[in-house]
PDB file of N, CA and C in Angstrom:
ATOM      1  N   MET A   1      29.027 -71.039 -15.536  1.00  0.00           N
ATOM      2  CA  MET A   1      29.873 -71.104 -14.370  1.00  0.00           C
ATOM      3  C   MET A   1      30.794 -69.884 -14.287  1.00  0.00           C
ATOM      4  N   ARG A   2      31.111 -69.291 -15.430  1.00  0.00           N
ATOM      5  CA  ARG A   2      32.002 -68.128 -15.460  1.00  0.00           C
ATOM      6  C   ARG A   2      31.369 -66.935 -14.742  1.00  0.00           C
ATOM      7  N   ILE A   3      30.064 -66.736 -14.936  1.00  0.00           N
ATOM      8  CA  ILE A   3      29.379 -65.609 -14.304  1.00  0.00           C
ATOM      9  C   ILE A   3      29.335 -65.801 -12.790  1.00  0.00           C
ATOM     10  N   ILE A   4      29.124 -67.017 -12.348  1.00  0.00           N
ATOM     11  CA  ILE A   4      29.091 -67.287 -10.917  1.00  0.00           C
ATOM     12  C   ILE A   4      30.464 -67.015 -10.303  1.00  0.00           C
ATOM     13  N   ARG A   5      31.517 -67.420 -10.994  1.00  0.00           N
ATOM     14  CA  ARG A   5      32.875 -67.137 -10.505  1.00  0.00           C
ATOM     15  C   ARG A   5      33.145 -65.637 -10.455  1.00  0.00           C
ATOM     16  N   GLN A   6      32.667 -64.902 -11.462  1.00  0.00           N
ATOM     17  CA  GLN A   6      32.849 -63.452 -11.458  1.00  0.00           C
ATOM     18  C   GLN A   6      32.172 -62.838 -10.232  1.00  0.00           C
ATOM     19  N   ASN A   7      30.957 -63.279  -9.940  1.00  0.00           N
ATOM     20  CA  ASN A   7      30.244 -62.760  -8.767  1.00  0.00           C
ATOM     21  C   ASN A   7      31.011 -63.063  -7.484  1.00  0.00           C
ATOM     22  N   PHE A   8      31.503 -64.287  -7.378  1.00  0.00           N
ATOM     23  CA  PHE A   8      32.245 -64.681  -6.180  1.00  0.00           C
ATOM     24  C   PHE A   8      33.496 -63.828  -6.018  1.00  0.00           C
ATOM     25  N   HIS A   9      34.253 -63.661  -7.092  1.00  0.00           N
ATOM     26  CA  HIS A   9      35.495 -62.882  -6.994  1.00  0.00           C
ATOM     27  C   HIS A   9      35.224 -61.412  -6.730  1.00  0.00           C
ATOM     28  N   TRP A  10      34.174 -60.881  -7.308  1.00  0.00           N
ATOM     29  CA  TRP A  10      33.826 -59.477  -7.065  1.00  0.00           C
ATOM     30  C   TRP A  10      33.508 -59.264  -5.591  1.00  0.00           C
ATOM     31  N   ALA A  11      32.635 -60.109  -5.029  1.00  0.00           N
ATOM     32  CA  ALA A  11      32.246 -59.967  -3.632  1.00  0.00           C
ATOM     33  C   ALA A  11      33.432 -60.217  -2.698  1.00  0.00           C
ATOM     34  N   LEU A  12      34.221 -61.237  -2.988  1.00  0.00           N
ATOM     35  CA  LEU A  12      35.379 -61.546  -2.161  1.00  0.00           C
ATOM     36  C   LEU A  12      36.399 -60.402  -2.213  1.00  0.00           C
ATOM     37  N   GLY A  13      36.640 -59.879  -3.398  1.00  0.00           N
ATOM     38  CA  GLY A  13      37.586 -58.776  -3.543  1.00  0.00           C
ATOM     39  C   GLY A  13      37.147 -57.534  -2.788  1.00  0.00           C
ATOM     40  N   TYR A  14      35.869 -57.200  -2.897  1.00  0.00           N
ATOM     41  CA  TYR A  14      35.371 -56.023  -2.179  1.00  0.00           C
ATOM     42  C   TYR A  14      35.542 -56.213  -0.678  1.00  0.00           C
ATOM     43  N   ASN A  15      35.117 -57.370  -0.179  1.00  0.00           N
ATOM     44  CA  ASN A  15      35.188 -57.607   1.265  1.00  0.00           C
ATOM     45  C   ASN A  15      36.629 -57.687   1.759  1.00  0.00           C
ATOM     46  N   ALA A  16      37.528 -58.219   0.957  1.00  0.00           N
ATOM     47  CA  ALA A  16      38.932 -58.321   1.363  1.00  0.00           C
ATOM     48  C   ALA A  16      39.593 -56.947   1.454  1.00  0.00           C
ATOM     49  N   ILE A  17      39.120 -55.999   0.651  1.00  0.00           N
ATOM     50  CA  ILE A  17      39.716 -54.662   0.647  1.00  0.00           C
ATOM     51  C   ILE A  17      38.976 -53.702   1.575  1.00  0.00           C
ATOM     52  N   ALA A  18      37.655 -53.669   1.472  1.00  0.00           N
ATOM     53  CA  ALA A  18      36.888 -52.654   2.184  1.00  0.00           C
ATOM     54  C   ALA A  18      36.713 -52.942   3.674  1.00  0.00           C
ATOM     55  N   LEU A  19      36.554 -54.189   4.053  1.00  0.00           N
ATOM     56  CA  LEU A  19      36.344 -54.475   5.474  1.00  0.00           C
ATOM     57  C   LEU A  19      37.539 -54.084   6.344  1.00  0.00           C
ATOM     58  N   PRO A  20      38.751 -54.438   5.961  1.00  0.00           N
ATOM     59  CA  PRO A  20      39.886 -53.970   6.785  1.00  0.00           C
ATOM     60  C   PRO A  20      40.002 -52.434   6.816  1.00  0.00           C
ATOM     61  N   MET A  21      39.679 -51.797   5.705  1.00  0.00           N
ATOM     62  CA  MET A  21      39.745 -50.336   5.677  1.00  0.00           C
ATOM     63  C   MET A  21      38.708 -49.732   6.621  1.00  0.00           C
ATOM     64  N   ALA A  22      37.514 -50.300   6.651  1.00  0.00           N
ATOM     65  CA  ALA A  22      36.480 -49.802   7.553  1.00  0.00           C
ATOM     66  C   ALA A  22      36.837 -50.103   9.010  1.00  0.00           C
ATOM     67  N   PHE A  23      37.410 -51.275   9.238  1.00  0.00           N
ATOM     68  CA  PHE A  23      37.770 -51.672  10.597  1.00  0.00           C
ATOM     69  C   PHE A  23      38.844 -50.754  11.184  1.00  0.00           C
ATOM     70  N   THR A  24      39.805 -50.356  10.361  1.00  0.00           N
ATOM     71  CA  THR A  24      40.880 -49.495  10.847  1.00  0.00           C
ATOM     72  C   THR A  24      40.510 -48.014  10.822  1.00  0.00           C
ATOM     73  N   GLY A  25      39.368 -47.686  10.276  1.00  0.00           N
ATOM     74  CA  GLY A  25      38.917 -46.302  10.265  1.00  0.00           C
ATOM     75  C   GLY A  25      39.393 -45.504   9.077  1.00  0.00           C
ATOM     76  N   LEU A  26      39.946 -46.155   8.063  1.00  0.00           N
ATOM     77  CA  LEU A  26      40.414 -45.431   6.875  1.00  0.00           C
ATOM     78  C   LEU A  26      39.252 -44.916   6.034  1.00  0.00           C
ATOM     79  N   ILE A  27      38.116 -45.586   6.116  1.00  0.00           N
ATOM     80  CA  ILE A  27      36.904 -45.084   5.463  1.00  0.00           C
ATOM     81  C   ILE A  27      35.795 -45.042   6.501  1.00  0.00           C
ATOM     82  N   GLY A  28      34.885 -44.130   6.311  1.00  0.00           N
ATOM     83  CA  GLY A  28      33.791 -43.978   7.262  1.00  0.00           C
ATOM     84  C   GLY A  28      32.706 -45.021   7.046  1.00  0.00           C
ATOM     85  N   PRO A  29      31.822 -45.146   8.021  1.00  0.00           N
ATOM     86  CA  PRO A  29      30.741 -46.124   7.902  1.00  0.00           C
ATOM     87  C   PRO A  29      29.829 -45.862   6.703  1.00  0.00           C
ATOM     88  N   TRP A  30      29.571 -44.611   6.403  1.00  0.00           N
ATOM     89  CA  TRP A  30      28.687 -44.304   5.276  1.00  0.00           C
ATOM     90  C   TRP A  30      29.362 -44.665   3.947  1.00  0.00           C
ATOM     91  N   GLU A  31      30.690 -44.497   3.869  1.00  0.00           N
ATOM     92  CA  GLU A  31      31.407 -44.888   2.654  1.00  0.00           C
ATOM     93  C   GLU A  31      31.404 -46.409   2.485  1.00  0.00           C
ATOM     94  N   ALA A  32      31.562 -47.113   3.589  1.00  0.00           N
ATOM     95  CA  ALA A  32      31.519 -48.575   3.539  1.00  0.00           C
ATOM     96  C   ALA A  32      30.121 -49.051   3.138  1.00  0.00           C
ATOM     97  N   ALA A  33      29.100 -48.382   3.634  1.00  0.00           N
ATOM     98  CA  ALA A  33      27.725 -48.758   3.295  1.00  0.00           C
ATOM     99  C   ALA A  33      27.437 -48.524   1.815  1.00  0.00           C
ATOM    100  N   ILE A  34      27.889 -47.407   1.288  1.00  0.00           N
ATOM    101  CA  ILE A  34      27.707 -47.132  -0.141  1.00  0.00           C
ATOM    102  C   ILE A  34      28.466 -48.153  -0.978  1.00  0.00           C
ATOM    103  N   GLY A  35      29.671 -48.475  -0.560  1.00  0.00           N
ATOM    104  CA  GLY A  35      30.462 -49.477  -1.275  1.00  0.00           C
ATOM    105  C   GLY A  35      29.810 -50.844  -1.250  1.00  0.00           C
ATOM    106  N   MET A  36      29.257 -51.240  -0.121  1.00  0.00           N
ATOM    107  CA  MET A  36      28.599 -52.539  -0.021  1.00  0.00           C
ATOM    108  C   MET A  36      27.349 -52.571  -0.884  1.00  0.00           C
ATOM    109  N   ALA A  37      26.596 -51.486  -0.883  1.00  0.00           N
ATOM    110  CA  ALA A  37      25.396 -51.424  -1.730  1.00  0.00           C
ATOM    111  C   ALA A  37      25.780 -51.504  -3.203  1.00  0.00           C
ATOM    112  N   ALA A  38      26.819 -50.800  -3.593  1.00  0.00           N
ATOM    113  CA  ALA A  38      27.268 -50.831  -4.990  1.00  0.00           C
ATOM    114  C   ALA A  38      27.773 -52.224  -5.361  1.00  0.00           C
ATOM    115  N   SER A  39      28.489 -52.858  -4.455  1.00  0.00           N
ATOM    116  CA  SER A  39      28.986 -54.208  -4.704  1.00  0.00           C
ATOM    117  C   SER A  39      27.828 -55.183  -4.892  1.00  0.00           C
ATOM    118  N   SER A  40      26.837 -55.090  -4.022  1.00  0.00           N
ATOM    119  CA  SER A  40      25.666 -55.967  -4.133  1.00  0.00           C
ATOM    120  C   SER A  40      24.921 -55.717  -5.441  1.00  0.00           C
ATOM    121  N   PHE A  41      24.813 -54.458  -5.832  1.00  0.00           N
ATOM    122  CA  PHE A  41      24.127 -54.103  -7.070  1.00  0.00           C
ATOM    123  C   PHE A  41      24.843 -54.703  -8.280  1.00  0.00           C
ATOM    124  N   VAL A  42      26.159 -54.624  -8.294  1.00  0.00           N
ATOM    125  CA  VAL A  42      26.944 -55.189  -9.395  1.00  0.00           C
ATOM    126  C   VAL A  42      26.764 -56.708  -9.454  1.00  0.00           C
ATOM    127  N   VAL A  43      26.781 -57.358  -8.297  1.00  0.00           N
ATOM    128  CA  VAL A  43      26.611 -58.809  -8.265  1.00  0.00           C
ATOM    129  C   VAL A  43      25.224 -59.201  -8.770  1.00  0.00           C
ATOM    130  N   VAL A  44      24.194 -58.464  -8.371  1.00  0.00           N
ATOM    131  CA  VAL A  44      22.834 -58.772  -8.825  1.00  0.00           C
ATOM    132  C   VAL A  44      22.713 -58.569 -10.330  1.00  0.00           C
ATOM    133  N   LEU A  45      23.237 -57.476 -10.845  1.00  0.00           N
ATOM    134  CA  LEU A  45      23.183 -57.244 -12.290  1.00  0.00           C
ATOM    135  C   LEU A  45      23.927 -58.334 -13.054  1.00  0.00           C
ATOM    136  N   ASN A  46      25.056 -58.741 -12.535  1.00  0.00           N
ATOM    137  CA  ASN A  46      25.821 -59.794 -13.184  1.00  0.00           C
ATOM    138  C   ASN A  46      25.060 -61.120 -13.121  1.00  0.00           C
ATOM    139  N   ALA A  47      24.385 -61.387 -12.018  1.00  0.00           N
ATOM    140  CA  ALA A  47      23.613 -62.619 -11.884  1.00  0.00           C
ATOM    141  C   ALA A  47      22.425 -62.630 -12.842  1.00  0.00           C
ATOM    142  N   LEU A  48      21.869 -61.471 -13.136  1.00  0.00           N
ATOM    143  CA  LEU A  48      20.756 -61.403 -14.088  1.00  0.00           C
ATOM    144  C   LEU A  48      21.187 -61.847 -15.484  1.00  0.00           C
ATOM    145  N   ARG A  49      22.477 -61.759 -15.749  1.00  0.00           N
ATOM    146  CA  ARG A  49      22.987 -62.262 -17.040  1.00  0.00           C
ATOM    147  C   ARG A  49      22.771 -63.762 -17.167  1.00  0.00           C
ATOM    148  N   LEU A  50      22.663 -64.460 -16.046  1.00  0.00           N
ATOM    149  CA  LEU A  50      22.426 -65.900 -16.088  1.00  0.00           C
ATOM    150  C   LEU A  50      21.111 -66.213 -16.793  1.00  0.00           C
ATOM    151  N   LEU A  51      20.103 -65.348 -16.616  1.00  0.00           N
ATOM    152  CA  LEU A  51      18.819 -65.566 -17.283  1.00  0.00           C
ATOM    153  C   LEU A  51      18.968 -65.521 -18.799  1.00  0.00           C
ATOM    154  N   SER A  52      19.709 -64.541 -19.284  1.00  0.00           N
ATOM    155  CA  SER A  52      19.858 -64.432 -20.734  1.00  0.00           C
ATOM    156  C   SER A  52      20.725 -65.553 -21.285  1.00  0.00           C
ATOM    157  N   VAL A  53      21.753 -65.945 -20.553  1.00  0.00           N
ATOM    158  CA  VAL A  53      22.610 -67.040 -20.999  1.00  0.00           C
ATOM    159  C   VAL A  53      21.809 -68.338 -21.038  1.00  0.00           C
ATOM    160  N   ALA A  54      20.993 -68.584 -20.024  1.00  0.00           N
ATOM    161  CA  ALA A  54      20.191 -69.802 -19.965  1.00  0.00           C
ATOM    162  C   ALA A  54      19.134 -69.802 -21.067  1.00  0.00           C
ATOM    163  N   ALA A  55      18.521 -68.660 -21.325  1.00  0.00           N
ATOM    164  CA  ALA A  55      17.485 -68.590 -22.345  1.00  0.00           C
ATOM    165  C   ALA A  55      18.066 -68.791 -23.746  1.00  0.00           C
ATOM    166  N   GLU A  56      19.252 -68.251 -23.996  1.00  0.00           N
ATOM    167  CA  GLU A  56      19.877 -68.418 -25.309  1.00  0.00           C
ATOM    168  C   GLU A  56      20.254 -69.864 -25.572  1.00  0.00           C
ATOM    169  N   GLY A  57      20.677 -70.553 -24.526  1.00  0.00           N
ATOM    170  CA  GLY A  57      21.087 -71.935 -24.674  1.00  0.00           C
ATOM    171  C   GLY A  57      19.933 -72.913 -24.631  1.00  0.00           C
ATOM    172  N   GLY A  58      18.748 -72.423 -24.316  1.00  0.00           N
ATOM    173  CA  GLY A  58      17.590 -73.300 -24.241  1.00  0.00           C
ATOM    174  C   GLY A  58      17.613 -74.234 -23.051  1.00  0.00           C
ATOM    175  N   ILE A  59      18.374 -73.858 -22.017  1.00  0.00           N
ATOM    176  CA  ILE A  59      18.483 -74.744 -20.863  1.00  0.00           C
ATOM    177  C   ILE A  59      17.718 -74.227 -19.663  1.00  0.00           C
ATOM    178  N   ALA A  60      17.040 -73.105 -19.821  1.00  0.00           N
ATOM    179  CA  ALA A  60      16.311 -72.536 -18.700  1.00  0.00           C
ATOM    180  C   ALA A  60      15.021 -73.297 -18.452  1.00  0.00           C
ATOM    181  N   PRO A  61      14.603 -73.365 -17.193  1.00  0.00           N
ATOM    182  CA  PRO A  61      13.306 -73.974 -16.913  1.00  0.00           C
ATOM    183  C   PRO A  61      12.196 -73.190 -17.597  1.00  0.00           C
ATOM    184  N   GLU A  62      11.068 -73.810 -17.776  1.00  0.00           N
ATOM    185  CA  GLU A  62       9.969 -73.188 -18.495  1.00  0.00           C
ATOM    186  C   GLU A  62       9.531 -71.868 -17.853  1.00  0.00           C
ATOM    187  N   SER A  63       9.509 -71.805 -16.531  1.00  0.00           N
ATOM    188  CA  SER A  63       9.092 -70.573 -15.858  1.00  0.00           C
ATOM    189  C   SER A  63      10.056 -69.419 -16.141  1.00  0.00           C
ATOM    190  N   VAL A  64      11.337 -69.699 -16.256  1.00  0.00           N
ATOM    191  CA  VAL A  64      12.308 -68.649 -16.554  1.00  0.00           C
ATOM    192  C   VAL A  64      12.169 -68.201 -17.998  1.00  0.00           C
ATOM    193  N   GLN A  65      11.948 -69.132 -18.914  1.00  0.00           N
ATOM    194  CA  GLN A  65      11.788 -68.755 -20.311  1.00  0.00           C
ATOM    195  C   GLN A  65      10.560 -67.892 -20.500  1.00  0.00           C
ATOM    196  N   VAL A  66       9.505 -68.162 -19.781  1.00  0.00           N
ATOM    197  CA  VAL A  66       8.297 -67.334 -19.870  1.00  0.00           C
ATOM    198  C   VAL A  66       8.586 -65.944 -19.338  1.00  0.00           C
ATOM    199  N   ALA A  67       9.351 -65.846 -18.248  1.00  0.00           N
ATOM    200  CA  ALA A  67       9.662 -64.551 -17.678  1.00  0.00           C
ATOM    201  C   ALA A  67      10.576 -63.747 -18.608  1.00  0.00           C
ATOM    202  N   VAL A  68      11.459 -64.419 -19.345  1.00  0.00           N
ATOM    203  CA  VAL A  68      12.372 -63.716 -20.230  1.00  0.00           C
ATOM    204  C   VAL A  68      11.695 -63.368 -21.536  1.00  0.00           C
ATOM    205  N   ASN A  69      10.922 -64.281 -22.095  1.00  0.00           N
ATOM    206  CA  ASN A  69      10.250 -64.078 -23.378  1.00  0.00           C
ATOM    207  C   ASN A  69       8.739 -64.261 -23.209  1.00  0.00           C
ATOM    208  N   PRO A  70       8.049 -63.239 -22.702  1.00  0.00           N
ATOM    209  CA  PRO A  70       6.607 -63.399 -22.473  1.00  0.00           C
ATOM    210  C   PRO A  70       5.826 -63.539 -23.768  1.00  0.00           C
TER     211      PRO A  70
END
């Protein structure tokens, strides 16, 4: 649950800061796009940690365990 909360706070924090800045013109559209892509990338990488946490605890479904430990 900690990793899911981290993802939520990361995405919420980025959107709370970057969207108003883009709306007021403090950052350009290309900067906002790069920031959103980087934010999404961080969230995806953090979510991938769920696979390793689930596999270590032995709570992952069989299909996930096969994908992690072929």
